[in-house]
């Protein structure tokens, strides 16, 4: 798969080399230039490649580890390409890896994932120009992902849920 990843990662020695070699797609966050990354992603989809987007654009920082508000890129890419969104949820990684700090990596914990049914927005292409439509579609996608995460969280063994 080709991931959309923040451009700063491409400047880290070895990491950047690996990202470029694996043809990952840099995103210039905060630049207002979402078009370049989405065009590269659209070309990759047209060539039959798989694109992975973290809709929130960053590591989840909510105290309850549930998904945050997403950016509209995943919906814009789906509408432009005609490719449905395949939602993926995970639970457990928030205990295995935190963003930073002492003990930020705790191996040996399971990370559960679930893949949902594709979300086909192709019939809603005309809506995209209406005020608020992209936001509404993005919120709908995140609602599906959040429900999947909540299901995983509810089934996750308590012995693994603790931070210790």
C-alpha atoms as a PDB file:
ATOM      1  CA  UNK A   1       0.000   0.000   0.000  1.00  0.00           C
ATOM      2  CA  UNK A   2       0.951   3.635  -0.503  1.00  0.00           C
ATOM      3  CA  UNK A   3       0.417   5.814   2.540  1.00  0.00           C
ATOM      4  CA  UNK A   4      -0.130   9.536   2.632  1.00  0.00           C
ATOM      5  CA  UNK A   5       2.396  10.702   5.235  1.00  0.00           C
ATOM      6  CA  UNK A   6       3.540  14.047   6.553  1.00  0.00           C
ATOM      7  CA  UNK A   7       6.382  15.411   4.464  1.00  0.00           C
ATOM      8  CA  UNK A   8       8.635  15.874   7.504  1.00  0.00           C
ATOM      9  CA  UNK A   9       9.081  12.085   7.667  1.00  0.00           C
ATOM     10  CA  UNK A  10      10.700  12.125   4.233  1.00  0.00           C
ATOM     11  CA  UNK A  11      13.540  14.300   5.607  1.00  0.00           C
ATOM     12  CA  UNK A  12      14.605  11.824   8.312  1.00  0.00           C
ATOM     13  CA  UNK A  13      17.687   9.834   7.276  1.00  0.00           C
ATOM     14  CA  UNK A  14      16.838   6.201   6.471  1.00  0.00           C
ATOM     15  CA  UNK A  15      13.132   6.769   7.160  1.00  0.00           C
ATOM     16  CA  UNK A  16      12.908   9.176   4.232  1.00  0.00           C
ATOM     17  CA  UNK A  17      14.907   6.814   2.046  1.00  0.00           C
ATOM     18  CA  UNK A  18      12.541   3.960   2.915  1.00  0.00           C
ATOM     19  CA  UNK A  19       9.447   6.117   2.342  1.00  0.00           C
ATOM     20  CA  UNK A  20      10.678   7.338  -1.026  1.00  0.00           C
ATOM     21  CA  UNK A  21      11.738   3.825  -2.030  1.00  0.00           C
ATOM     22  CA  UNK A  22       8.301   2.461  -1.119  1.00  0.00           C
ATOM     23  CA  UNK A  23       6.690   5.294  -3.116  1.00  0.00           C
ATOM     24  CA  UNK A  24       4.826   6.737  -0.146  1.00  0.00           C
ATOM     25  CA  UNK A  25       3.098  10.063  -0.807  1.00  0.00           C
ATOM     26  CA  UNK A  26       4.237  13.183   1.079  1.00  0.00           C
ATOM     27  CA  UNK A  27       1.638  15.608   2.404  1.00  0.00           C
ATOM     28  CA  UNK A  28       2.636  19.232   3.019  1.00  0.00           C
ATOM     29  CA  UNK A  29       0.612  19.792   6.180  1.00  0.00           C
ATOM     30  CA  UNK A  30      -0.452  23.326   6.982  1.00  0.00           C
ATOM     31  CA  UNK A  31       0.475  24.567   3.519  1.00  0.00           C
ATOM     32  CA  UNK A  32      -3.051  24.600   2.138  1.00  0.00           C
ATOM     33  CA  UNK A  33      -1.753  22.369  -0.667  1.00  0.00           C
ATOM     34  CA  UNK A  34      -3.824  19.223  -0.316  1.00  0.00           C
ATOM     35  CA  UNK A  35      -4.139  19.013  -4.095  1.00  0.00           C
ATOM     36  CA  UNK A  36      -0.621  17.717  -4.838  1.00  0.00           C
ATOM     37  CA  UNK A  37      -0.881  14.715  -2.509  1.00  0.00           C
ATOM     38  CA  UNK A  38      -4.431  13.915  -3.616  1.00  0.00           C
ATOM     39  CA  UNK A  39      -3.435  14.069  -7.295  1.00  0.00           C
ATOM     40  CA  UNK A  40      -0.566  11.647  -6.625  1.00  0.00           C
ATOM     41  CA  UNK A  41      -2.967   9.367  -4.731  1.00  0.00           C
ATOM     42  CA  UNK A  42      -5.506   9.556  -7.546  1.00  0.00           C
ATOM     43  CA  UNK A  43      -2.851   8.586 -10.115  1.00  0.00           C
ATOM     44  CA  UNK A  44      -1.809   5.643  -7.940  1.00  0.00           C
ATOM     45  CA  UNK A  45      -5.419   4.471  -7.646  1.00  0.00           C
ATOM     46  CA  UNK A  46      -5.808   4.725 -11.419  1.00  0.00           C
ATOM     47  CA  UNK A  47      -2.770   2.446 -11.727  1.00  0.00           C
ATOM     48  CA  UNK A  48      -4.441  -0.123  -9.469  1.00  0.00           C
ATOM     49  CA  UNK A  49      -2.489   0.660  -6.324  1.00  0.00           C
ATOM     50  CA  UNK A  50      -3.893   0.735  -2.786  1.00  0.00           C
ATOM     51  CA  UNK A  51      -3.871   4.056  -0.950  1.00  0.00           C
ATOM     52  CA  UNK A  52      -4.016   4.327   2.836  1.00  0.00           C
ATOM     53  CA  UNK A  53      -5.117   7.583   4.427  1.00  0.00           C
ATOM     54  CA  UNK A  54      -5.390   8.321   8.112  1.00  0.00           C
ATOM     55  CA  UNK A  55      -8.380  10.667   7.811  1.00  0.00           C
ATOM     56  CA  UNK A  56      -7.492  12.634  10.946  1.00  0.00           C
ATOM     57  CA  UNK A  57      -4.093  13.518   9.505  1.00  0.00           C
ATOM     58  CA  UNK A  58      -2.250  12.666  12.730  1.00  0.00           C
ATOM     59  CA  UNK A  59      -2.009  10.232  15.618  1.00  0.00           C
ATOM     60  CA  UNK A  60      -5.200  10.163  17.682  1.00  0.00           C
ATOM     61  CA  UNK A  61      -4.781  12.286  20.799  1.00  0.00           C
ATOM     62  CA  UNK A  62      -8.176  11.902  22.464  1.00  0.00           C
ATOM     63  CA  UNK A  63      -7.963  10.642  26.052  1.00  0.00           C
ATOM     64  CA  UNK A  64     -10.379   7.810  25.204  1.00  0.00           C
ATOM     65  CA  UNK A  65      -8.357   6.934  22.053  1.00  0.00           C
ATOM     66  CA  UNK A  66     -11.424   7.120  19.820  1.00  0.00           C
ATOM     67  CA  UNK A  67     -11.102   8.704  16.370  1.00  0.00           C
ATOM     68  CA  UNK A  68     -10.960  12.482  16.131  1.00  0.00           C
ATOM     69  CA  UNK A  69     -12.544  14.783  13.580  1.00  0.00           C
ATOM     70  CA  UNK A  70     -11.248  13.961  10.121  1.00  0.00           C
ATOM     71  CA  UNK A  71     -10.077  16.110   7.285  1.00  0.00           C
ATOM     72  CA  UNK A  72     -12.030  15.793   4.034  1.00  0.00           C
ATOM     73  CA  UNK A  73      -9.207  14.366   1.879  1.00  0.00           C
ATOM     74  CA  UNK A  74     -10.375  10.763   1.997  1.00  0.00           C
ATOM     75  CA  UNK A  75     -13.848  11.780   0.777  1.00  0.00           C
ATOM     76  CA  UNK A  76     -12.459  14.145  -1.869  1.00  0.00           C
ATOM     77  CA  UNK A  77     -10.198  11.370  -3.180  1.00  0.00           C
ATOM     78  CA  UNK A  78     -13.065   8.881  -3.281  1.00  0.00           C
ATOM     79  CA  UNK A  79     -15.340  11.312  -5.110  1.00  0.00           C
ATOM     80  CA  UNK A  80     -12.629  12.279  -7.614  1.00  0.00           C
ATOM     81  CA  UNK A  81     -11.511   8.724  -8.329  1.00  0.00           C
ATOM     82  CA  UNK A  82     -14.775   6.843  -8.004  1.00  0.00           C
ATOM     83  CA  UNK A  83     -13.036   4.358  -5.700  1.00  0.00           C
ATOM     84  CA  UNK A  84     -15.043   3.430  -2.584  1.00  0.00           C
ATOM     85  CA  UNK A  85     -13.581   4.005   0.866  1.00  0.00           C
ATOM     86  CA  UNK A  86     -12.744   0.815   2.741  1.00  0.00           C
ATOM     87  CA  UNK A  87     -12.859   1.720   6.444  1.00  0.00           C
ATOM     88  CA  UNK A  88     -10.303   0.148   8.735  1.00  0.00           C
ATOM     89  CA  UNK A  89     -10.415   0.367  12.511  1.00  0.00           C
ATOM     90  CA  UNK A  90      -7.810  -0.656  15.049  1.00  0.00           C
ATOM     91  CA  UNK A  91      -7.661  -0.907  18.806  1.00  0.00           C
ATOM     92  CA  UNK A  92      -4.721  -1.618  21.070  1.00  0.00           C
ATOM     93  CA  UNK A  93      -2.030   0.357  19.302  1.00  0.00           C
ATOM     94  CA  UNK A  94      -2.585   3.280  21.676  1.00  0.00           C
ATOM     95  CA  UNK A  95      -1.113   1.064  24.435  1.00  0.00           C
ATOM     96  CA  UNK A  96       1.678  -0.371  22.274  1.00  0.00           C
ATOM     97  CA  UNK A  97       2.932   2.957  20.913  1.00  0.00           C
ATOM     98  CA  UNK A  98       2.413   6.452  22.260  1.00  0.00           C
ATOM     99  CA  UNK A  99       3.520   9.549  20.408  1.00  0.00           C
ATOM    100  CA  UNK A 100       6.496  10.217  22.687  1.00  0.00           C
ATOM    101  CA  UNK A 101       7.938   9.951  26.150  1.00  0.00           C
ATOM    102  CA  UNK A 102       9.480   7.325  28.379  1.00  0.00           C
ATOM    103  CA  UNK A 103       8.035   3.908  27.773  1.00  0.00           C
ATOM    104  CA  UNK A 104       6.410   5.042  24.540  1.00  0.00           C
ATOM    105  CA  UNK A 105       6.889   1.567  23.047  1.00  0.00           C
ATOM    106  CA  UNK A 106       5.329  -1.383  24.897  1.00  0.00           C
ATOM    107  CA  UNK A 107       5.692  -4.577  22.946  1.00  0.00           C
ATOM    108  CA  UNK A 108       3.694  -7.736  23.515  1.00  0.00           C
ATOM    109  CA  UNK A 109       0.217  -6.219  23.387  1.00  0.00           C
ATOM    110  CA  UNK A 110      -2.245  -7.301  20.720  1.00  0.00           C
ATOM    111  CA  UNK A 111      -3.445  -4.777  18.172  1.00  0.00           C
ATOM    112  CA  UNK A 112      -6.820  -5.711  16.772  1.00  0.00           C
ATOM    113  CA  UNK A 113      -8.071  -4.515  13.408  1.00  0.00           C
ATOM    114  CA  UNK A 114     -11.339  -4.731  11.564  1.00  0.00           C
ATOM    115  CA  UNK A 115     -12.140  -3.936   7.956  1.00  0.00           C
ATOM    116  CA  UNK A 116     -15.609  -2.612   7.207  1.00  0.00           C
ATOM    117  CA  UNK A 117     -17.797  -2.746   4.147  1.00  0.00           C
ATOM    118  CA  UNK A 118     -16.767  -0.339   1.381  1.00  0.00           C
ATOM    119  CA  UNK A 119     -18.431   3.081   1.476  1.00  0.00           C
ATOM    120  CA  UNK A 120     -19.361   4.052  -2.064  1.00  0.00           C
ATOM    121  CA  UNK A 121     -19.899   7.797  -2.438  1.00  0.00           C
ATOM    122  CA  UNK A 122     -19.983   7.836  -6.247  1.00  0.00           C
ATOM    123  CA  UNK A 123     -23.720   8.582  -6.358  1.00  0.00           C
ATOM    124  CA  UNK A 124     -23.091  11.707  -4.237  1.00  0.00           C
ATOM    125  CA  UNK A 125     -20.524  13.366  -6.512  1.00  0.00           C
ATOM    126  CA  UNK A 126     -22.900  16.188  -7.430  1.00  0.00           C
ATOM    127  CA  UNK A 127     -23.436  17.020  -3.736  1.00  0.00           C
ATOM    128  CA  UNK A 128     -19.742  17.814  -3.255  1.00  0.00           C
ATOM    129  CA  UNK A 129     -20.156  21.435  -4.361  1.00  0.00           C
ATOM    130  CA  UNK A 130     -22.918  22.110  -1.831  1.00  0.00           C
ATOM    131  CA  UNK A 131     -21.828  23.956   1.307  1.00  0.00           C
ATOM    132  CA  UNK A 132     -21.145  21.502   4.101  1.00  0.00           C
ATOM    133  CA  UNK A 133     -21.533  18.397   1.929  1.00  0.00           C
ATOM    134  CA  UNK A 134     -17.880  17.306   2.117  1.00  0.00           C
ATOM    135  CA  UNK A 135     -17.934  17.808   5.876  1.00  0.00           C
ATOM    136  CA  UNK A 136     -21.152  15.793   6.198  1.00  0.00           C
ATOM    137  CA  UNK A 137     -19.787  12.912   4.093  1.00  0.00           C
ATOM    138  CA  UNK A 138     -16.507  12.953   6.017  1.00  0.00           C
ATOM    139  CA  UNK A 139     -18.392  12.867   9.319  1.00  0.00           C
ATOM    140  CA  UNK A 140     -20.436   9.910   8.019  1.00  0.00           C
ATOM    141  CA  UNK A 141     -17.255   7.991   7.173  1.00  0.00           C
ATOM    142  CA  UNK A 142     -15.815   8.742  10.597  1.00  0.00           C
ATOM    143  CA  UNK A 143     -19.053   7.655  12.249  1.00  0.00           C
ATOM    144  CA  UNK A 144     -18.635   4.233  10.628  1.00  0.00           C
ATOM    145  CA  UNK A 145     -14.987   4.026  11.706  1.00  0.00           C
ATOM    146  CA  UNK A 146     -15.779   5.185  15.244  1.00  0.00           C
ATOM    147  CA  UNK A 147     -18.499   2.532  15.625  1.00  0.00           C
ATOM    148  CA  UNK A 148     -16.003  -0.114  14.471  1.00  0.00           C
ATOM    149  CA  UNK A 149     -13.392   1.133  16.973  1.00  0.00           C
ATOM    150  CA  UNK A 150     -15.963   1.119  19.774  1.00  0.00           C
ATOM    151  CA  UNK A 151     -16.848  -2.503  18.934  1.00  0.00           C
ATOM    152  CA  UNK A 152     -13.170  -3.489  19.060  1.00  0.00           C
ATOM    153  CA  UNK A 153     -12.674  -1.613  22.333  1.00  0.00           C
ATOM    154  CA  UNK A 154     -15.671  -3.337  23.932  1.00  0.00           C
ATOM    155  CA  UNK A 155     -14.292  -6.789  23.048  1.00  0.00           C
ATOM    156  CA  UNK A 156     -10.641  -6.060  23.929  1.00  0.00           C
ATOM    157  CA  UNK A 157      -9.449  -8.120  26.924  1.00  0.00           C
ATOM    158  CA  UNK A 158      -9.228  -6.027  30.090  1.00  0.00           C
ATOM    159  CA  UNK A 159      -5.827  -7.490  30.976  1.00  0.00           C
ATOM    160  CA  UNK A 160      -4.381  -5.789  27.897  1.00  0.00           C
ATOM    161  CA  UNK A 161      -6.306  -2.527  28.223  1.00  0.00           C
ATOM    162  CA  UNK A 162      -4.345  -1.115  31.171  1.00  0.00           C
ATOM    163  CA  UNK A 163      -1.422   1.219  30.548  1.00  0.00           C
ATOM    164  CA  UNK A 164       0.921  -0.786  32.816  1.00  0.00           C
END
